[in-house]
PDB file of N, CA and C in Angstrom:
ATOM      1  N   UNK A   1      77.505 -42.071 245.688  1.00  0.00           N
ATOM      2  CA  UNK A   1      76.652 -41.654 247.483  1.00  0.00           C
ATOM      3  C   UNK A   1      77.682 -42.426 248.199  1.00  0.00           C
ATOM      4  N   UNK A   2      77.353 -42.170 249.194  1.00  0.00           N
ATOM      5  CA  UNK A   2      78.646 -42.345 250.511  1.00  0.00           C
ATOM      6  C   UNK A   2      78.025 -43.189 251.396  1.00  0.00           C
ATOM      7  N   UNK A   3      76.712 -42.956 251.560  1.00  0.00           N
ATOM      8  CA  UNK A   3      76.317 -43.563 253.503  1.00  0.00           C
ATOM      9  C   UNK A   3      74.644 -44.241 252.695  1.00  0.00           C
ATOM     10  N   UNK A   4      74.200 -45.157 253.289  1.00  0.00           N
ATOM     11  CA  UNK A   4      73.097 -46.104 252.986  1.00  0.00           C
ATOM     12  C   UNK A   4      72.745 -47.159 252.521  1.00  0.00           C
ATOM     13  N   UNK A   5      72.288 -47.948 252.471  1.00  0.00           N
ATOM     14  CA  UNK A   5      72.182 -49.266 252.011  1.00  0.00           C
ATOM     15  C   UNK A   5      72.468 -48.887 250.485  1.00  0.00           C
ATOM     16  N   UNK A   6      72.440 -50.536 250.097  1.00  0.00           N
ATOM     17  CA  UNK A   6      72.744 -50.856 248.615  1.00  0.00           C
ATOM     18  C   UNK A   6      71.332 -50.429 247.804  1.00  0.00           C
ATOM     19  N   UNK A   7      71.889 -49.122 247.147  1.00  0.00           N
ATOM     20  CA  UNK A   7      70.913 -48.823 245.833  1.00  0.00           C
ATOM     21  C   UNK A   7      71.121 -49.195 244.762  1.00  0.00           C
ATOM     22  N   UNK A   8      70.081 -48.800 243.975  1.00  0.00           N
ATOM     23  CA  UNK A   8      69.809 -49.387 242.352  1.00  0.00           C
ATOM     24  C   UNK A   8      70.479 -47.992 242.067  1.00  0.00           C
ATOM     25  N   UNK A   9      71.404 -48.367 240.723  1.00  0.00           N
ATOM     26  CA  UNK A   9      72.290 -46.788 240.403  1.00  0.00           C
ATOM     27  C   UNK A   9      71.782 -47.248 238.523  1.00  0.00           C
ATOM     28  N   UNK A  10      71.386 -45.808 238.202  1.00  0.00           N
ATOM     29  CA  UNK A  10      71.680 -45.860 236.743  1.00  0.00           C
ATOM     30  C   UNK A  10      72.344 -44.868 236.432  1.00  0.00           C
ATOM     31  N   UNK A  11      73.286 -45.117 235.584  1.00  0.00           N
ATOM     32  CA  UNK A  11      74.618 -44.072 235.065  1.00  0.00           C
ATOM     33  C   UNK A  11      74.627 -44.094 233.446  1.00  0.00           C
ATOM     34  N   UNK A  12      74.241 -43.022 233.020  1.00  0.00           N
ATOM     35  CA  UNK A  12      74.008 -42.839 231.519  1.00  0.00           C
ATOM     36  C   UNK A  12      74.734 -41.650 230.824  1.00  0.00           C
ATOM     37  N   UNK A  13      74.746 -41.643 229.811  1.00  0.00           N
ATOM     38  CA  UNK A  13      75.393 -40.338 228.923  1.00  0.00           C
ATOM     39  C   UNK A  13      74.030 -39.678 227.836  1.00  0.00           C
ATOM     40  N   UNK A  14      73.993 -38.799 227.544  1.00  0.00           N
ATOM     41  CA  UNK A  14      73.032 -37.631 226.845  1.00  0.00           C
ATOM     42  C   UNK A  14      74.166 -36.861 226.157  1.00  0.00           C
ATOM     43  N   UNK A  15      73.695 -37.046 224.929  1.00  0.00           N
ATOM     44  CA  UNK A  15      73.917 -35.515 223.747  1.00  0.00           C
ATOM     45  C   UNK A  15      73.560 -34.215 224.396  1.00  0.00           C
ATOM     46  N   UNK A  16      73.787 -33.328 223.729  1.00  0.00           N
ATOM     47  CA  UNK A  16      73.320 -32.026 223.715  1.00  0.00           C
ATOM     48  C   UNK A  16      72.133 -31.686 223.722  1.00  0.00           C
ATOM     49  N   UNK A  17      71.635 -32.708 222.998  1.00  0.00           N
ATOM     50  CA  UNK A  17      69.982 -32.412 222.082  1.00  0.00           C
ATOM     51  C   UNK A  17      68.900 -33.278 223.494  1.00  0.00           C
ATOM     52  N   UNK A  18      69.977 -34.186 224.633  1.00  0.00           N
ATOM     53  CA  UNK A  18      68.996 -34.484 225.428  1.00  0.00           C
ATOM     54  C   UNK A  18      68.949 -35.933 225.042  1.00  0.00           C
ATOM     55  N   UNK A  19      69.227 -36.755 223.815  1.00  0.00           N
ATOM     56  CA  UNK A  19      69.543 -38.063 223.335  1.00  0.00           C
ATOM     57  C   UNK A  19      70.409 -39.074 224.043  1.00  0.00           C
ATOM     58  N   UNK A  20      69.251 -40.192 224.384  1.00  0.00           N
ATOM     59  CA  UNK A  20      70.385 -40.989 225.383  1.00  0.00           C
ATOM     60  C   UNK A  20      71.010 -41.724 224.215  1.00  0.00           C
ATOM     61  N   UNK A  21      72.707 -41.687 224.935  1.00  0.00           N
ATOM     62  CA  UNK A  21      73.746 -42.295 223.701  1.00  0.00           C
ATOM     63  C   UNK A  21      74.256 -43.867 224.126  1.00  0.00           C
ATOM     64  N   UNK A  22      73.919 -43.743 225.569  1.00  0.00           N
ATOM     65  CA  UNK A  22      74.511 -45.058 226.113  1.00  0.00           C
ATOM     66  C   UNK A  22      74.427 -45.121 227.572  1.00  0.00           C
ATOM     67  N   UNK A  23      74.059 -46.537 227.892  1.00  0.00           N
ATOM     68  CA  UNK A  23      73.737 -46.598 229.282  1.00  0.00           C
ATOM     69  C   UNK A  23      75.234 -47.156 229.795  1.00  0.00           C
ATOM     70  N   UNK A  24      75.811 -46.740 230.695  1.00  0.00           N
ATOM     71  CA  UNK A  24      77.083 -46.780 231.152  1.00  0.00           C
ATOM     72  C   UNK A  24      77.418 -48.261 232.398  1.00  0.00           C
ATOM     73  N   UNK A  25      76.292 -48.023 233.153  1.00  0.00           N
ATOM     74  CA  UNK A  25      76.001 -48.891 234.481  1.00  0.00           C
ATOM     75  C   UNK A  25      74.603 -48.876 235.356  1.00  0.00           C
ATOM     76  N   UNK A  26      73.694 -49.966 234.895  1.00  0.00           N
ATOM     77  CA  UNK A  26      72.423 -49.979 235.607  1.00  0.00           C
ATOM     78  C   UNK A  26      72.609 -51.357 236.237  1.00  0.00           C
ATOM     79  N   UNK A  27      72.077 -50.918 237.655  1.00  0.00           N
ATOM     80  CA  UNK A  27      72.538 -52.359 238.888  1.00  0.00           C
ATOM     81  C   UNK A  27      72.271 -51.399 240.012  1.00  0.00           C
ATOM     82  N   UNK A  28      72.518 -52.781 240.924  1.00  0.00           N
ATOM     83  CA  UNK A  28      72.425 -52.499 242.503  1.00  0.00           C
ATOM     84  C   UNK A  28      74.489 -52.031 242.860  1.00  0.00           C
ATOM     85  N   UNK A  29      74.205 -51.390 243.848  1.00  0.00           N
ATOM     86  CA  UNK A  29      75.624 -50.761 244.262  1.00  0.00           C
ATOM     87  C   UNK A  29      75.498 -50.510 245.617  1.00  0.00           C
ATOM     88  N   UNK A  30      76.738 -50.216 246.592  1.00  0.00           N
ATOM     89  CA  UNK A  30      76.802 -50.678 247.556  1.00  0.00           C
ATOM     90  C   UNK A  30      77.519 -49.095 247.934  1.00  0.00           C
ATOM     91  N   UNK A  31      77.213 -48.462 249.042  1.00  0.00           N
ATOM     92  CA  UNK A  31      77.921 -46.986 249.358  1.00  0.00           C
ATOM     93  C   UNK A  31      79.400 -47.426 248.746  1.00  0.00           C
ATOM     94  N   UNK A  32      80.166 -46.184 248.553  1.00  0.00           N
ATOM     95  CA  UNK A  32      81.395 -45.746 248.264  1.00  0.00           C
ATOM     96  C   UNK A  32      81.477 -44.923 246.780  1.00  0.00           C
ATOM     97  N   UNK A  33      82.992 -45.196 246.540  1.00  0.00           N
ATOM     98  CA  UNK A  33      83.509 -44.379 245.524  1.00  0.00           C
ATOM     99  C   UNK A  33      83.677 -45.139 244.238  1.00  0.00           C
ATOM    100  N   UNK A  34      83.385 -44.815 243.260  1.00  0.00           N
ATOM    101  CA  UNK A  34      83.483 -46.229 241.672  1.00  0.00           C
ATOM    102  C   UNK A  34      83.991 -45.034 240.867  1.00  0.00           C
ATOM    103  N   UNK A  35      84.347 -45.891 239.772  1.00  0.00           N
ATOM    104  CA  UNK A  35      85.151 -45.151 238.475  1.00  0.00           C
ATOM    105  C   UNK A  35      84.621 -45.761 237.818  1.00  0.00           C
ATOM    106  N   UNK A  36      84.156 -45.477 236.211  1.00  0.00           N
ATOM    107  CA  UNK A  36      84.118 -45.791 235.406  1.00  0.00           C
ATOM    108  C   UNK A  36      84.310 -45.290 233.799  1.00  0.00           C
ATOM    109  N   UNK A  37      84.509 -46.028 233.433  1.00  0.00           N
ATOM    110  CA  UNK A  37      85.011 -45.534 231.637  1.00  0.00           C
ATOM    111  C   UNK A  37      84.102 -45.567 230.478  1.00  0.00           C
ATOM    112  N   UNK A  38      84.185 -44.450 229.926  1.00  0.00           N
ATOM    113  CA  UNK A  38      83.161 -44.210 228.467  1.00  0.00           C
ATOM    114  C   UNK A  38      84.117 -44.293 227.381  1.00  0.00           C
ATOM    115  N   UNK A  39      84.268 -44.941 226.517  1.00  0.00           N
ATOM    116  CA  UNK A  39      85.321 -45.168 225.531  1.00  0.00           C
ATOM    117  C   UNK A  39      84.530 -43.992 224.360  1.00  0.00           C
ATOM    118  N   UNK A  40      83.561 -43.285 224.605  1.00  0.00           N
ATOM    119  CA  UNK A  40      83.138 -42.534 223.398  1.00  0.00           C
ATOM    120  C   UNK A  40      82.141 -43.250 222.150  1.00  0.00           C
ATOM    121  N   UNK A  41      81.466 -44.286 222.697  1.00  0.00           N
ATOM    122  CA  UNK A  41      80.641 -45.012 221.935  1.00  0.00           C
ATOM    123  C   UNK A  41      79.938 -45.299 222.386  1.00  0.00           C
ATOM    124  N   UNK A  42      78.309 -45.404 221.101  1.00  0.00           N
ATOM    125  CA  UNK A  42      76.677 -45.051 221.678  1.00  0.00           C
ATOM    126  C   UNK A  42      76.740 -46.473 221.938  1.00  0.00           C
ATOM    127  N   UNK A  43      75.602 -46.624 222.287  1.00  0.00           N
ATOM    128  CA  UNK A  43      74.995 -47.855 222.486  1.00  0.00           C
ATOM    129  C   UNK A  43      75.002 -49.326 221.618  1.00  0.00           C
ATOM    130  N   UNK A  44      75.293 -49.011 220.189  1.00  0.00           N
ATOM    131  CA  UNK A  44      75.467 -49.859 219.021  1.00  0.00           C
ATOM    132  C   UNK A  44      76.868 -49.984 219.047  1.00  0.00           C
ATOM    133  N   UNK A  45      77.786 -49.403 219.892  1.00  0.00           N
ATOM    134  CA  UNK A  45      79.197 -49.357 219.628  1.00  0.00           C
ATOM    135  C   UNK A  45      80.266 -48.828 218.370  1.00  0.00           C
ATOM    136  N   UNK A  46      79.054 -47.854 218.154  1.00  0.00           N
ATOM    137  CA  UNK A  46      79.925 -46.423 216.453  1.00  0.00           C
ATOM    138  C   UNK A  46      80.176 -45.507 217.566  1.00  0.00           C
ATOM    139  N   UNK A  47      81.494 -45.225 217.385  1.00  0.00           N
ATOM    140  CA  UNK A  47      81.936 -43.816 217.664  1.00  0.00           C
ATOM    141  C   UNK A  47      81.295 -42.641 217.412  1.00  0.00           C
ATOM    142  N   UNK A  48      81.193 -42.152 218.522  1.00  0.00           N
ATOM    143  CA  UNK A  48      80.444 -40.545 218.411  1.00  0.00           C
ATOM    144  C   UNK A  48      81.424 -39.608 218.470  1.00  0.00           C
ATOM    145  N   UNK A  49      80.849 -38.445 217.847  1.00  0.00           N
ATOM    146  CA  UNK A  49      81.269 -37.285 217.335  1.00  0.00           C
ATOM    147  C   UNK A  49      81.975 -36.560 218.552  1.00  0.00           C
ATOM    148  N   UNK A  50      83.275 -35.782 218.446  1.00  0.00           N
ATOM    149  CA  UNK A  50      84.019 -34.767 219.557  1.00  0.00           C
ATOM    150  C   UNK A  50      82.639 -33.781 219.867  1.00  0.00           C
ATOM    151  N   UNK A  51      82.647 -33.514 221.070  1.00  0.00           N
ATOM    152  CA  UNK A  51      81.739 -32.412 221.816  1.00  0.00           C
ATOM    153  C   UNK A  51      81.351 -32.621 223.057  1.00  0.00           C
ATOM    154  N   UNK A  52      80.380 -32.359 223.630  1.00  0.00           N
ATOM    155  CA  UNK A  52      79.696 -31.967 224.923  1.00  0.00           C
ATOM    156  C   UNK A  52      78.500 -33.039 225.217  1.00  0.00           C
ATOM    157  N   UNK A  53      79.160 -33.666 226.272  1.00  0.00           N
ATOM    158  CA  UNK A  53      78.441 -34.792 226.777  1.00  0.00           C
ATOM    159  C   UNK A  53      77.705 -34.720 227.970  1.00  0.00           C
ATOM    160  N   UNK A  54      76.590 -35.005 228.273  1.00  0.00           N
ATOM    161  CA  UNK A  54      76.316 -35.165 229.986  1.00  0.00           C
ATOM    162  C   UNK A  54      76.290 -36.571 230.604  1.00  0.00           C
ATOM    163  N   UNK A  55      76.861 -36.734 231.616  1.00  0.00           N
ATOM    164  CA  UNK A  55      76.793 -37.761 232.802  1.00  0.00           C
ATOM    165  C   UNK A  55      75.689 -37.631 233.580  1.00  0.00           C
ATOM    166  N   UNK A  56      74.418 -38.684 233.389  1.00  0.00           N
ATOM    167  CA  UNK A  56      73.568 -38.693 234.414  1.00  0.00           C
ATOM    168  C   UNK A  56      73.571 -39.697 235.085  1.00  0.00           C
ATOM    169  N   UNK A  57      73.094 -39.651 236.559  1.00  0.00           N
ATOM    170  CA  UNK A  57      73.551 -40.742 237.720  1.00  0.00           C
ATOM    171  C   UNK A  57      71.901 -40.317 238.458  1.00  0.00           C
ATOM    172  N   UNK A  58      71.197 -41.601 238.837  1.00  0.00           N
ATOM    173  CA  UNK A  58      69.950 -41.619 239.677  1.00  0.00           C
ATOM    174  C   UNK A  58      70.085 -42.670 240.097  1.00  0.00           C
ATOM    175  N   UNK A  59      69.734 -42.707 241.862  1.00  0.00           N
ATOM    176  CA  UNK A  59      69.897 -43.721 242.579  1.00  0.00           C
ATOM    177  C   UNK A  59      67.937 -43.728 242.784  1.00  0.00           C
ATOM    178  N   UNK A  60      67.950 -45.303 243.378  1.00  0.00           N
ATOM    179  CA  UNK A  60      66.697 -45.661 243.960  1.00  0.00           C
ATOM    180  C   UNK A  60      66.519 -44.709 245.169  1.00  0.00           C
ATOM    181  N   UNK A  61      67.028 -44.060 246.070  1.00  0.00           N
ATOM    182  CA  UNK A  61      67.057 -43.196 246.972  1.00  0.00           C
ATOM    183  C   UNK A  61      66.630 -41.684 246.702  1.00  0.00           C
ATOM    184  N   UNK A  62      66.667 -41.639 245.323  1.00  0.00           N
ATOM    185  CA  UNK A  62      66.118 -40.690 244.602  1.00  0.00           C
ATOM    186  C   UNK A  62      67.253 -39.113 244.689  1.00  0.00           C
ATOM    187  N   UNK A  63      68.812 -40.113 244.541  1.00  0.00           N
ATOM    188  CA  UNK A  63      69.557 -38.776 244.295  1.00  0.00           C
ATOM    189  C   UNK A  63      70.423 -38.514 242.980  1.00  0.00           C
ATOM    190  N   UNK A  64      69.980 -37.371 242.320  1.00  0.00           N
ATOM    191  CA  UNK A  64      70.010 -37.329 240.872  1.00  0.00           C
ATOM    192  C   UNK A  64      71.825 -36.330 240.871  1.00  0.00           C
ATOM    193  N   UNK A  65      72.502 -36.763 239.592  1.00  0.00           N
ATOM    194  CA  UNK A  65      73.266 -35.792 239.700  1.00  0.00           C
ATOM    195  C   UNK A  65      73.696 -35.920 238.009  1.00  0.00           C
ATOM    196  N   UNK A  66      74.210 -34.720 237.884  1.00  0.00           N
ATOM    197  CA  UNK A  66      74.170 -34.452 236.212  1.00  0.00           C
ATOM    198  C   UNK A  66      75.550 -33.725 236.432  1.00  0.00           C
ATOM    199  N   UNK A  67      76.789 -34.549 235.105  1.00  0.00           N
ATOM    200  CA  UNK A  67      77.958 -33.556 234.875  1.00  0.00           C
ATOM    201  C   UNK A  67      78.018 -33.616 233.582  1.00  0.00           C
ATOM    202  N   UNK A  68      78.473 -32.551 233.342  1.00  0.00           N
ATOM    203  CA  UNK A  68      79.128 -32.272 231.328  1.00  0.00           C
ATOM    204  C   UNK A  68      80.446 -32.629 231.562  1.00  0.00           C
ATOM    205  N   UNK A  69      80.842 -33.294 230.516  1.00  0.00           N
ATOM    206  CA  UNK A  69      81.953 -33.809 229.754  1.00  0.00           C
ATOM    207  C   UNK A  69      81.972 -33.471 228.262  1.00  0.00           C
ATOM    208  N   UNK A  70      83.414 -33.425 227.831  1.00  0.00           N
ATOM    209  CA  UNK A  70      83.697 -32.968 226.755  1.00  0.00           C
ATOM    210  C   UNK A  70      84.863 -34.215 226.355  1.00  0.00           C
ATOM    211  N   UNK A  71      84.542 -34.560 224.844  1.00  0.00           N
ATOM    212  CA  UNK A  71      84.679 -35.670 224.419  1.00  0.00           C
ATOM    213  C   UNK A  71      85.618 -35.240 223.257  1.00  0.00           C
ATOM    214  N   UNK A  72      86.960 -35.468 223.082  1.00  0.00           N
ATOM    215  CA  UNK A  72      87.625 -34.955 221.857  1.00  0.00           C
ATOM    216  C   UNK A  72      88.605 -36.023 221.250  1.00  0.00           C
ATOM    217  N   UNK A  73      88.918 -35.793 220.186  1.00  0.00           N
ATOM    218  CA  UNK A  73      89.217 -37.523 219.396  1.00  0.00           C
ATOM    219  C   UNK A  73      90.118 -36.871 218.841  1.00  0.00           C
TER     220      UNK A  73
END
C-alpha cells in the first residue's frame, strides 16, 4: 500500500492446498514499499518442498493481495 495511515499488515505463505505454511510479517506498517525474504521454511523451521506457494497480504484497511511464487531447490 502506498498511501493512508499506518495499518495492521499480515503477510503469510500458503501451499497449493490452502494450508498455512508461514507468517512472514504481522504488525503495524506505515505506507511505503518494503521487501521481505522467505527462506523456504515452514512455521516450525523445517524446509518445505519445491513447488508453488501463495504469498497473501491483508491490511486493516481491507486491502487484499495474493501473489503466486515458485520455490525451487
